C-alpha cells in the first residue's frame, strides 16, 4: 500500500471530524441578536477545536510526507491518532453544553493530551525509518522534545481546569500557536 491511500483516508476522516463539529452548533430559533449572542461560547469552542484539528492535520501531512514505507506500525499509529482526533467533536460539544464546566474542560484537556501523545507516537514511528540519516534523526529528536513539552502542557491543563478554567484555555490557545506553521527542521534536514 502506498502512502497516498493513507493520506486520502486520513484526509477523509479529518474532514468528517470538522463537519461533525460544526453540526453541533445549532442555529437560534428566532432572529434576535440576543439569540446569536448565546452562541458565543459554542462558536469559540468550535473555533478552538477547528484550529487544533487543522494544525494536527497540517503537521500530520508533513509527517506522512516523510514516510519511506507503509508498514503495520505506520498504519496503526496513524489510526490511533485518527481515533483520538475523532473524539474532538464530542469533547467540544461537551464543553459547549456545560458552558465550560471544570469537568468538561478537563475532559477536553485530557483528550488533547492523548491526541498529542498519539501524534508523538506517529512521529516516533516515522523517525525510526530515518535512523540511518544523522541529520534527519537529529531533527526528529528536536521535534520529539517539542511534542513531549506540548504533551506535558496538555496534561497540566487537566487538573488546572478545576482551579482556573481560564488558565486551561490559555494552554489550549498557546499550544496551537506553537504549531501554527509546520516545523521546517525536517524539510531543511
N, C-alpha and C. Protein backbone atom coordinates (compact mmCIF):
# COMPACT_ATOMS: atom_id res chain seq x y z
N UNK A 1 0.85 -1.18 0.00
CA UNK A 1 0.00 0.00 0.00
C UNK A 1 0.89 1.24 0.00
N UNK A 2 0.52 2.20 -0.83
CA UNK A 2 1.27 3.44 -0.89
C UNK A 2 0.78 4.45 0.13
N UNK A 3 1.61 5.44 0.38
CA UNK A 3 1.27 6.47 1.36
C UNK A 3 0.06 7.29 0.90
N UNK A 4 -0.19 7.35 -0.40
CA UNK A 4 -1.33 8.10 -0.92
C UNK A 4 -2.65 7.63 -0.36
N UNK A 5 -2.79 6.32 -0.19
CA UNK A 5 -4.05 5.78 0.37
C UNK A 5 -4.19 6.16 1.83
N UNK A 6 -3.08 6.14 2.56
CA UNK A 6 -3.11 6.53 3.98
C UNK A 6 -3.47 8.01 4.09
N UNK A 7 -2.88 8.83 3.24
CA UNK A 7 -3.19 10.26 3.26
C UNK A 7 -4.65 10.52 2.90
N UNK A 8 -5.17 9.84 1.90
CA UNK A 8 -6.56 10.04 1.47
C UNK A 8 -7.53 9.62 2.59
N UNK A 9 -7.26 8.48 3.20
CA UNK A 9 -8.11 8.03 4.31
C UNK A 9 -8.07 9.03 5.45
N UNK A 10 -6.89 9.47 5.82
CA UNK A 10 -6.73 10.44 6.92
C UNK A 10 -7.44 11.75 6.60
N UNK A 11 -7.28 12.23 5.38
CA UNK A 11 -7.95 13.48 4.98
C UNK A 11 -9.46 13.33 5.10
N UNK A 12 -9.99 12.19 4.69
CA UNK A 12 -11.43 11.95 4.78
C UNK A 12 -11.93 11.93 6.21
N UNK A 13 -11.19 11.26 7.08
CA UNK A 13 -11.58 11.19 8.50
C UNK A 13 -11.56 12.59 9.11
N UNK A 14 -10.52 13.34 8.83
CA UNK A 14 -10.42 14.69 9.41
C UNK A 14 -11.50 15.60 8.85
N UNK A 15 -11.86 15.46 7.58
CA UNK A 15 -12.95 16.26 7.01
C UNK A 15 -14.27 15.95 7.72
N UNK A 16 -14.51 14.70 8.02
CA UNK A 16 -15.74 14.32 8.74
C UNK A 16 -15.72 14.89 10.16
N UNK A 17 -14.57 14.87 10.80
CA UNK A 17 -14.44 15.42 12.16
C UNK A 17 -14.85 16.89 12.18
N UNK A 18 -14.33 17.67 11.24
CA UNK A 18 -14.65 19.10 11.18
C UNK A 18 -16.13 19.31 10.89
N UNK A 19 -16.69 18.49 10.01
CA UNK A 19 -18.11 18.60 9.67
C UNK A 19 -18.98 18.30 10.89
N UNK A 20 -18.65 17.27 11.62
CA UNK A 20 -19.43 16.91 12.81
C UNK A 20 -19.38 18.05 13.83
N UNK A 21 -18.22 18.66 13.99
CA UNK A 21 -18.10 19.75 14.97
C UNK A 21 -19.03 20.91 14.63
N UNK A 22 -19.08 21.30 13.37
CA UNK A 22 -19.90 22.46 13.02
C UNK A 22 -21.39 22.12 13.13
N UNK A 23 -21.75 20.88 12.92
CA UNK A 23 -23.16 20.48 13.04
C UNK A 23 -23.67 20.54 14.48
N UNK A 24 -22.75 20.56 15.43
CA UNK A 24 -23.13 20.67 16.84
C UNK A 24 -23.61 22.07 17.20
N UNK A 25 -23.32 23.05 16.37
CA UNK A 25 -23.75 24.43 16.64
C UNK A 25 -25.14 24.59 16.04
N UNK A 26 -26.11 24.68 16.92
CA UNK A 26 -27.50 24.79 16.49
C UNK A 26 -27.85 26.26 16.26
N UNK A 27 -28.43 26.58 15.09
CA UNK A 27 -28.81 27.97 14.84
C UNK A 27 -29.94 28.41 15.77
N UNK A 28 -29.98 29.69 16.11
CA UNK A 28 -31.04 30.17 17.00
C UNK A 28 -32.42 30.03 16.35
N UNK A 29 -33.42 29.88 17.19
CA UNK A 29 -34.78 29.71 16.69
C UNK A 29 -35.45 31.03 16.33
N UNK A 30 -34.90 32.15 16.80
CA UNK A 30 -35.50 33.43 16.45
C UNK A 30 -34.44 34.35 15.83
N UNK A 31 -34.88 35.46 15.29
CA UNK A 31 -33.99 36.38 14.60
C UNK A 31 -33.44 37.49 15.47
N UNK A 32 -33.49 37.30 16.77
CA UNK A 32 -33.00 38.32 17.70
C UNK A 32 -31.47 38.24 17.83
N UNK A 33 -30.85 39.39 17.96
CA UNK A 33 -29.41 39.45 18.15
C UNK A 33 -29.00 38.76 19.44
N UNK A 34 -29.84 38.85 20.45
CA UNK A 34 -29.53 38.21 21.74
C UNK A 34 -29.43 36.69 21.58
N UNK A 35 -30.20 36.13 20.65
CA UNK A 35 -30.13 34.69 20.41
C UNK A 35 -28.78 34.32 19.81
N UNK A 36 -28.26 35.18 18.95
CA UNK A 36 -26.93 34.93 18.38
C UNK A 36 -25.84 35.01 19.45
N UNK A 37 -26.00 35.94 20.37
CA UNK A 37 -25.01 36.10 21.44
C UNK A 37 -24.92 34.84 22.31
N UNK A 38 -26.01 34.10 22.39
CA UNK A 38 -25.99 32.86 23.18
C UNK A 38 -25.11 31.79 22.53
N UNK A 39 -24.79 31.99 21.26
CA UNK A 39 -23.92 31.04 20.55
C UNK A 39 -22.44 31.38 20.70
N UNK A 40 -22.14 32.41 21.46
CA UNK A 40 -20.76 32.87 21.60
C UNK A 40 -19.82 31.77 22.09
N UNK A 41 -20.17 31.09 23.18
CA UNK A 41 -19.30 30.04 23.71
C UNK A 41 -19.19 28.85 22.76
N UNK A 42 -20.31 28.32 22.22
CA UNK A 42 -20.15 27.22 21.26
C UNK A 42 -19.31 27.62 20.04
N UNK A 43 -19.44 28.85 19.57
CA UNK A 43 -18.63 29.30 18.42
C UNK A 43 -17.15 29.38 18.79
N UNK A 44 -16.86 29.89 19.98
CA UNK A 44 -15.46 29.96 20.41
C UNK A 44 -14.88 28.56 20.60
N UNK A 45 -15.67 27.65 21.16
CA UNK A 45 -15.22 26.26 21.30
C UNK A 45 -14.95 25.64 19.92
N UNK A 46 -15.86 25.91 18.97
CA UNK A 46 -15.68 25.38 17.62
C UNK A 46 -14.42 25.97 16.99
N UNK A 47 -14.23 27.27 17.13
CA UNK A 47 -13.04 27.92 16.57
C UNK A 47 -11.77 27.29 17.12
N UNK A 48 -11.73 27.11 18.44
CA UNK A 48 -10.56 26.49 19.07
C UNK A 48 -10.35 25.07 18.55
N UNK A 49 -11.40 24.27 18.53
CA UNK A 49 -11.28 22.88 18.08
C UNK A 49 -10.96 22.78 16.60
N UNK A 50 -11.52 23.69 15.80
CA UNK A 50 -11.18 23.70 14.38
C UNK A 50 -9.70 24.01 14.20
N UNK A 51 -9.20 25.01 14.94
CA UNK A 51 -7.78 25.37 14.84
C UNK A 51 -6.89 24.20 15.26
N UNK A 52 -7.25 23.56 16.36
CA UNK A 52 -6.46 22.40 16.84
C UNK A 52 -6.46 21.29 15.80
N UNK A 53 -7.64 20.98 15.27
CA UNK A 53 -7.75 19.91 14.27
C UNK A 53 -6.97 20.28 13.00
N UNK A 54 -7.09 21.52 12.56
CA UNK A 54 -6.37 21.96 11.35
C UNK A 54 -4.86 21.87 11.55
N UNK A 55 -4.39 22.25 12.72
CA UNK A 55 -2.95 22.21 12.98
C UNK A 55 -2.46 20.76 13.06
N UNK A 56 -3.25 19.89 13.68
CA UNK A 56 -2.89 18.47 13.66
C UNK A 56 -2.83 17.98 12.21
N UNK A 57 -3.81 18.36 11.40
CA UNK A 57 -3.85 17.91 10.00
C UNK A 57 -2.62 18.42 9.24
N UNK A 58 -2.29 19.69 9.39
CA UNK A 58 -1.14 20.26 8.67
C UNK A 58 0.14 19.54 9.06
N UNK A 59 0.36 19.34 10.34
CA UNK A 59 1.57 18.67 10.80
C UNK A 59 1.54 17.17 10.47
N UNK A 60 0.35 16.60 10.47
CA UNK A 60 0.17 15.21 10.09
C UNK A 60 0.60 15.02 8.63
N UNK A 61 0.16 15.93 7.76
CA UNK A 61 0.55 15.87 6.34
C UNK A 61 2.07 15.96 6.21
N UNK A 62 2.67 16.81 7.01
CA UNK A 62 4.12 16.97 6.97
C UNK A 62 4.83 15.68 7.37
N UNK A 63 4.35 15.04 8.41
CA UNK A 63 4.95 13.77 8.87
C UNK A 63 4.75 12.67 7.84
N UNK A 64 3.53 12.56 7.29
CA UNK A 64 3.28 11.49 6.32
C UNK A 64 4.14 11.67 5.07
N UNK A 65 4.51 12.90 4.78
CA UNK A 65 5.39 13.15 3.64
C UNK A 65 6.78 12.55 3.82
N UNK A 66 7.11 12.19 5.04
CA UNK A 66 8.43 11.61 5.35
C UNK A 66 8.44 10.08 5.35
N UNK A 67 7.26 9.49 5.25
CA UNK A 67 7.17 8.03 5.33
C UNK A 67 7.86 7.40 4.13
N UNK A 68 8.81 6.51 4.41
CA UNK A 68 9.53 5.81 3.34
C UNK A 68 8.83 4.53 2.93
N UNK A 69 8.17 3.88 3.90
CA UNK A 69 7.42 2.66 3.60
C UNK A 69 6.24 2.58 4.56
N UNK A 70 5.14 2.15 4.03
CA UNK A 70 3.94 1.98 4.84
C UNK A 70 3.95 0.56 5.38
N UNK A 71 4.06 0.44 6.68
CA UNK A 71 4.02 -0.87 7.32
C UNK A 71 2.97 -0.83 8.43
N UNK A 72 2.85 -1.92 9.15
CA UNK A 72 1.82 -2.02 10.19
C UNK A 72 1.98 -0.93 11.25
N UNK A 73 3.22 -0.62 11.62
CA UNK A 73 3.42 0.38 12.68
C UNK A 73 2.95 1.77 12.22
N UNK A 74 3.17 2.10 10.96
CA UNK A 74 2.68 3.38 10.42
C UNK A 74 1.16 3.38 10.39
N UNK A 75 0.57 2.29 9.88
CA UNK A 75 -0.89 2.22 9.78
C UNK A 75 -1.56 2.31 11.15
N UNK A 76 -1.07 1.55 12.11
CA UNK A 76 -1.71 1.53 13.42
C UNK A 76 -1.47 2.82 14.20
N UNK A 77 -0.29 3.38 14.11
CA UNK A 77 -0.06 4.64 14.82
C UNK A 77 -0.87 5.78 14.18
N UNK A 78 -1.04 5.73 12.86
CA UNK A 78 -1.87 6.73 12.19
C UNK A 78 -3.33 6.56 12.59
N UNK A 79 -3.82 5.32 12.61
CA UNK A 79 -5.21 5.08 13.01
C UNK A 79 -5.44 5.43 14.47
N UNK A 80 -4.46 5.22 15.30
CA UNK A 80 -4.55 5.61 16.71
C UNK A 80 -4.75 7.13 16.80
N UNK A 81 -3.96 7.88 16.06
CA UNK A 81 -4.10 9.34 16.05
C UNK A 81 -5.49 9.75 15.55
N UNK A 82 -5.94 9.13 14.46
CA UNK A 82 -7.25 9.47 13.91
C UNK A 82 -8.38 9.15 14.89
N UNK A 83 -8.24 8.06 15.63
CA UNK A 83 -9.26 7.71 16.63
C UNK A 83 -9.41 8.83 17.65
N UNK A 84 -8.29 9.27 18.22
CA UNK A 84 -8.36 10.31 19.25
C UNK A 84 -8.82 11.64 18.67
N UNK A 85 -8.38 11.94 17.45
CA UNK A 85 -8.88 13.15 16.79
C UNK A 85 -10.39 13.09 16.61
N UNK A 86 -10.92 11.91 16.32
CA UNK A 86 -12.36 11.77 16.06
C UNK A 86 -13.20 12.05 17.30
N UNK A 87 -12.60 12.06 18.47
CA UNK A 87 -13.34 12.36 19.70
C UNK A 87 -13.38 13.86 20.01
N UNK A 88 -12.66 14.66 19.26
CA UNK A 88 -12.66 16.11 19.49
C UNK A 88 -14.07 16.70 19.36
N UNK A 89 -14.89 16.30 18.38
CA UNK A 89 -16.25 16.85 18.34
C UNK A 89 -17.05 16.56 19.62
N UNK A 90 -16.89 15.38 20.20
CA UNK A 90 -17.59 15.07 21.46
C UNK A 90 -17.14 16.01 22.57
N UNK A 91 -15.83 16.15 22.75
CA UNK A 91 -15.32 16.99 23.83
C UNK A 91 -15.69 18.46 23.61
N UNK A 92 -15.71 18.88 22.36
CA UNK A 92 -16.09 20.26 22.04
C UNK A 92 -17.57 20.48 22.39
N UNK A 93 -18.42 19.56 21.99
CA UNK A 93 -19.85 19.67 22.29
C UNK A 93 -20.10 19.61 23.80
N UNK A 94 -19.36 18.76 24.48
CA UNK A 94 -19.50 18.63 25.94
C UNK A 94 -19.17 19.96 26.62
N UNK A 95 -18.08 20.59 26.19
CA UNK A 95 -17.73 21.89 26.77
C UNK A 95 -18.81 22.93 26.49
N UNK A 96 -19.35 22.90 25.28
CA UNK A 96 -20.39 23.86 24.92
C UNK A 96 -21.67 23.66 25.71
N UNK A 97 -22.08 22.41 25.87
CA UNK A 97 -23.32 22.12 26.58
C UNK A 97 -23.23 22.40 28.07
N UNK A 98 -22.02 22.29 28.62
CA UNK A 98 -21.85 22.52 30.06
C UNK A 98 -21.35 23.94 30.35
N UNK A 99 -21.28 24.76 29.30
CA UNK A 99 -20.78 26.13 29.42
C UNK A 99 -19.39 26.15 30.06
N UNK A 100 -18.54 25.25 29.58
CA UNK A 100 -17.14 25.13 30.01
C UNK A 100 -17.02 24.87 31.51
N UNK A 101 -17.81 23.92 31.99
CA UNK A 101 -17.69 23.49 33.39
C UNK A 101 -16.32 22.83 33.58
N UNK A 102 -15.78 22.86 34.79
CA UNK A 102 -14.44 22.32 35.01
C UNK A 102 -14.24 20.89 34.50
N UNK A 103 -15.21 19.99 34.74
CA UNK A 103 -15.03 18.61 34.28
C UNK A 103 -14.94 18.55 32.76
N UNK A 104 -15.78 19.29 32.07
CA UNK A 104 -15.76 19.24 30.60
C UNK A 104 -14.46 19.83 30.05
N UNK A 105 -13.93 20.85 30.70
CA UNK A 105 -12.65 21.43 30.28
C UNK A 105 -11.52 20.44 30.55
N UNK A 106 -11.60 19.73 31.68
CA UNK A 106 -10.59 18.71 31.99
C UNK A 106 -10.65 17.56 30.98
N UNK A 107 -11.86 17.15 30.60
CA UNK A 107 -12.01 16.08 29.60
C UNK A 107 -11.41 16.54 28.27
N UNK A 108 -11.66 17.78 27.89
CA UNK A 108 -11.11 18.33 26.65
C UNK A 108 -9.57 18.32 26.72
N UNK A 109 -9.02 18.77 27.84
CA UNK A 109 -7.56 18.78 28.00
C UNK A 109 -6.97 17.38 27.96
N UNK A 110 -7.65 16.43 28.61
CA UNK A 110 -7.17 15.04 28.61
C UNK A 110 -7.19 14.47 27.20
N UNK A 111 -8.27 14.75 26.46
CA UNK A 111 -8.35 14.27 25.08
C UNK A 111 -7.23 14.86 24.24
N UNK A 112 -6.97 16.15 24.39
CA UNK A 112 -5.89 16.76 23.62
C UNK A 112 -4.53 16.21 24.03
N UNK A 113 -4.37 15.86 25.31
CA UNK A 113 -3.12 15.25 25.76
C UNK A 113 -2.93 13.88 25.10
N UNK A 114 -3.98 13.08 25.08
CA UNK A 114 -3.89 11.75 24.46
C UNK A 114 -3.66 11.88 22.96
N UNK A 115 -4.34 12.83 22.33
CA UNK A 115 -4.16 13.05 20.89
C UNK A 115 -2.73 13.50 20.61
N UNK A 116 -2.21 14.36 21.46
CA UNK A 116 -0.83 14.82 21.31
C UNK A 116 0.16 13.67 21.48
N UNK A 117 -0.11 12.80 22.44
CA UNK A 117 0.75 11.62 22.62
C UNK A 117 0.69 10.72 21.39
N UNK A 118 -0.49 10.59 20.80
CA UNK A 118 -0.64 9.78 19.59
C UNK A 118 0.13 10.38 18.42
N UNK A 119 0.11 11.70 18.33
CA UNK A 119 0.88 12.40 17.30
C UNK A 119 2.37 12.14 17.50
N UNK A 120 2.83 12.22 18.76
CA UNK A 120 4.24 11.96 19.07
C UNK A 120 4.62 10.52 18.72
N UNK A 121 3.69 9.59 18.96
CA UNK A 121 3.95 8.19 18.61
C UNK A 121 4.11 8.02 17.10
N UNK A 122 3.23 8.67 16.33
CA UNK A 122 3.36 8.61 14.87
C UNK A 122 4.70 9.17 14.43
N UNK A 123 5.09 10.31 15.02
CA UNK A 123 6.40 10.89 14.67
C UNK A 123 7.52 9.91 15.02
N UNK A 124 7.43 9.24 16.18
CA UNK A 124 8.44 8.28 16.60
C UNK A 124 8.56 7.13 15.59
N UNK A 125 7.41 6.62 15.15
CA UNK A 125 7.39 5.51 14.18
C UNK A 125 8.03 5.94 12.86
N UNK A 126 7.69 7.13 12.40
CA UNK A 126 8.28 7.62 11.15
C UNK A 126 9.77 7.91 11.34
N UNK A 127 10.14 8.44 12.49
CA UNK A 127 11.55 8.75 12.77
C UNK A 127 12.41 7.49 12.73
N UNK A 128 11.85 6.35 13.15
CA UNK A 128 12.60 5.09 13.11
C UNK A 128 13.03 4.76 11.68
N UNK A 129 12.26 5.20 10.69
CA UNK A 129 12.61 4.94 9.30
C UNK A 129 13.80 5.79 8.85
N UNK A 130 14.17 6.79 9.65
CA UNK A 130 15.26 7.69 9.28
C UNK A 130 16.48 7.56 10.19
N UNK A 131 16.54 6.49 10.99
CA UNK A 131 17.63 6.40 11.97
C UNK A 131 19.02 6.32 11.32
N UNK A 132 19.11 5.92 10.08
CA UNK A 132 20.41 5.86 9.41
C UNK A 132 20.86 7.24 8.91
N UNK A 133 19.96 8.19 8.85
CA UNK A 133 20.27 9.54 8.39
C UNK A 133 20.46 10.43 9.62
N UNK A 134 21.71 10.79 9.92
CA UNK A 134 22.04 11.53 11.14
C UNK A 134 21.34 12.89 11.21
N UNK A 135 21.25 13.58 10.10
CA UNK A 135 20.64 14.90 10.10
C UNK A 135 19.14 14.81 10.36
N UNK A 136 18.45 13.91 9.66
CA UNK A 136 17.02 13.74 9.89
C UNK A 136 16.74 13.20 11.29
N UNK A 137 17.57 12.30 11.74
CA UNK A 137 17.40 11.73 13.07
C UNK A 137 17.50 12.81 14.14
N UNK A 138 18.47 13.72 13.99
CA UNK A 138 18.64 14.82 14.94
C UNK A 138 17.41 15.75 14.92
N UNK A 139 16.90 16.04 13.73
CA UNK A 139 15.72 16.90 13.61
C UNK A 139 14.50 16.25 14.27
N UNK A 140 14.34 14.94 14.07
CA UNK A 140 13.23 14.24 14.71
C UNK A 140 13.35 14.31 16.23
N UNK A 141 14.55 14.16 16.76
CA UNK A 141 14.74 14.22 18.21
C UNK A 141 14.37 15.59 18.75
N UNK A 142 14.75 16.64 18.05
CA UNK A 142 14.40 18.00 18.47
C UNK A 142 12.88 18.19 18.47
N UNK A 143 12.23 17.69 17.45
CA UNK A 143 10.77 17.81 17.37
C UNK A 143 10.08 16.94 18.41
N UNK A 144 10.71 15.81 18.76
CA UNK A 144 10.15 14.96 19.79
C UNK A 144 10.14 15.70 21.14
N UNK A 145 11.18 16.47 21.40
CA UNK A 145 11.23 17.27 22.63
C UNK A 145 10.07 18.27 22.65
N UNK A 146 9.80 18.89 21.51
CA UNK A 146 8.67 19.82 21.40
C UNK A 146 7.35 19.08 21.64
N UNK A 147 7.19 17.91 21.04
CA UNK A 147 5.97 17.12 21.22
C UNK A 147 5.75 16.75 22.69
N UNK A 148 6.81 16.34 23.37
CA UNK A 148 6.69 15.95 24.78
C UNK A 148 6.37 17.17 25.64
N UNK A 149 6.96 18.31 25.32
CA UNK A 149 6.67 19.55 26.07
C UNK A 149 5.20 19.92 25.94
N UNK A 150 4.68 19.81 24.73
CA UNK A 150 3.26 20.11 24.49
C UNK A 150 2.39 19.11 25.24
N UNK A 151 2.75 17.85 25.21
CA UNK A 151 2.01 16.83 25.94
C UNK A 151 1.94 17.18 27.43
N UNK A 152 3.05 17.59 27.99
CA UNK A 152 3.08 17.96 29.41
C UNK A 152 2.21 19.18 29.69
N UNK A 153 2.18 20.13 28.77
CA UNK A 153 1.29 21.28 28.94
C UNK A 153 -0.18 20.85 28.92
N UNK A 154 -0.53 19.98 27.98
CA UNK A 154 -1.92 19.50 27.94
C UNK A 154 -2.27 18.73 29.21
N UNK A 155 -1.35 17.93 29.70
CA UNK A 155 -1.59 17.19 30.95
C UNK A 155 -1.79 18.18 32.10
N UNK A 156 -1.02 19.25 32.11
CA UNK A 156 -1.16 20.28 33.14
C UNK A 156 -2.54 20.93 33.10
N UNK A 157 -3.10 21.06 31.90
CA UNK A 157 -4.41 21.72 31.77
C UNK A 157 -5.54 20.92 32.43
N UNK A 158 -5.34 19.63 32.63
CA UNK A 158 -6.42 18.78 33.18
C UNK A 158 -6.71 19.14 34.64
N UNK A 159 -5.76 19.02 35.56
CA UNK A 159 -6.09 19.40 36.94
C UNK A 159 -6.30 20.92 37.08
N UNK A 160 -5.64 21.68 36.22
CA UNK A 160 -5.78 23.13 36.26
C UNK A 160 -7.22 23.57 35.97
N UNK A 161 -7.96 22.78 35.21
CA UNK A 161 -9.35 23.11 34.90
C UNK A 161 -10.21 23.24 36.15
N UNK A 162 -9.84 22.53 37.20
CA UNK A 162 -10.60 22.58 38.45
C UNK A 162 -10.18 23.76 39.33
N UNK A 163 -9.08 24.41 38.95
CA UNK A 163 -8.59 25.57 39.68
C UNK A 163 -8.90 26.86 38.92
N UNK A 164 -8.59 26.85 37.62
CA UNK A 164 -8.79 28.02 36.77
C UNK A 164 -9.07 27.59 35.34
N UNK A 165 -10.32 27.72 34.94
CA UNK A 165 -10.69 27.37 33.57
C UNK A 165 -9.95 28.27 32.59
N UNK A 166 -9.78 29.53 32.94
CA UNK A 166 -9.07 30.48 32.07
C UNK A 166 -7.63 30.04 31.83
N UNK A 167 -6.98 29.51 32.86
CA UNK A 167 -5.60 29.04 32.70
C UNK A 167 -5.55 27.84 31.75
N UNK A 168 -6.53 26.94 31.87
CA UNK A 168 -6.58 25.80 30.95
C UNK A 168 -6.78 26.29 29.52
N UNK A 169 -7.69 27.24 29.33
CA UNK A 169 -7.93 27.77 28.00
C UNK A 169 -6.70 28.50 27.47
N UNK A 170 -5.95 29.13 28.35
CA UNK A 170 -4.70 29.77 27.92
C UNK A 170 -3.77 28.71 27.31
N UNK A 171 -3.67 27.56 27.96
CA UNK A 171 -2.85 26.46 27.43
C UNK A 171 -3.41 25.98 26.09
N UNK A 172 -4.74 25.84 26.02
CA UNK A 172 -5.37 25.37 24.78
C UNK A 172 -5.10 26.32 23.61
N UNK A 173 -4.98 27.60 23.90
CA UNK A 173 -4.72 28.59 22.84
C UNK A 173 -3.22 28.72 22.57
N UNK A 174 -2.41 28.59 23.61
CA UNK A 174 -0.95 28.69 23.46
C UNK A 174 -0.39 27.59 22.56
N UNK A 175 -0.82 26.37 22.77
CA UNK A 175 -0.23 25.24 22.06
C UNK A 175 -0.43 25.33 20.54
N UNK A 176 -1.63 25.61 20.05
CA UNK A 176 -1.76 25.73 18.59
C UNK A 176 -0.84 26.82 18.00
N UNK A 177 -0.60 27.85 18.79
CA UNK A 177 0.29 28.91 18.29
C UNK A 177 1.72 28.39 18.11
N UNK A 178 2.11 27.39 18.90
CA UNK A 178 3.45 26.80 18.77
C UNK A 178 3.57 25.94 17.51
N UNK A 179 2.43 25.46 17.02
CA UNK A 179 2.42 24.57 15.86
C UNK A 179 1.78 25.21 14.64
N UNK A 180 1.52 26.51 14.71
CA UNK A 180 0.76 27.16 13.64
C UNK A 180 1.36 26.87 12.27
N UNK A 181 2.66 26.94 12.15
CA UNK A 181 3.33 26.57 10.91
C UNK A 181 4.12 25.28 11.15
N UNK A 182 4.11 24.38 10.19
CA UNK A 182 4.91 23.16 10.38
C UNK A 182 6.38 23.51 10.59
N UNK A 183 7.01 22.76 11.44
CA UNK A 183 8.43 22.99 11.74
C UNK A 183 9.27 22.66 10.50
N UNK A 184 10.12 23.56 10.13
CA UNK A 184 10.93 23.40 8.90
C UNK A 184 12.21 22.59 9.12
N UNK A 185 12.48 22.19 10.35
CA UNK A 185 13.73 21.47 10.62
C UNK A 185 13.84 20.19 9.80
N UNK A 186 12.72 19.48 9.65
CA UNK A 186 12.73 18.24 8.87
C UNK A 186 13.00 18.55 7.41
N UNK A 187 12.30 19.55 6.87
CA UNK A 187 12.48 19.90 5.45
C UNK A 187 13.90 20.36 5.17
N UNK A 188 14.47 21.12 6.13
CA UNK A 188 15.84 21.60 5.95
C UNK A 188 16.84 20.45 6.04
N UNK A 189 16.53 19.45 6.89
CA UNK A 189 17.42 18.31 7.04
C UNK A 189 17.38 17.46 5.77
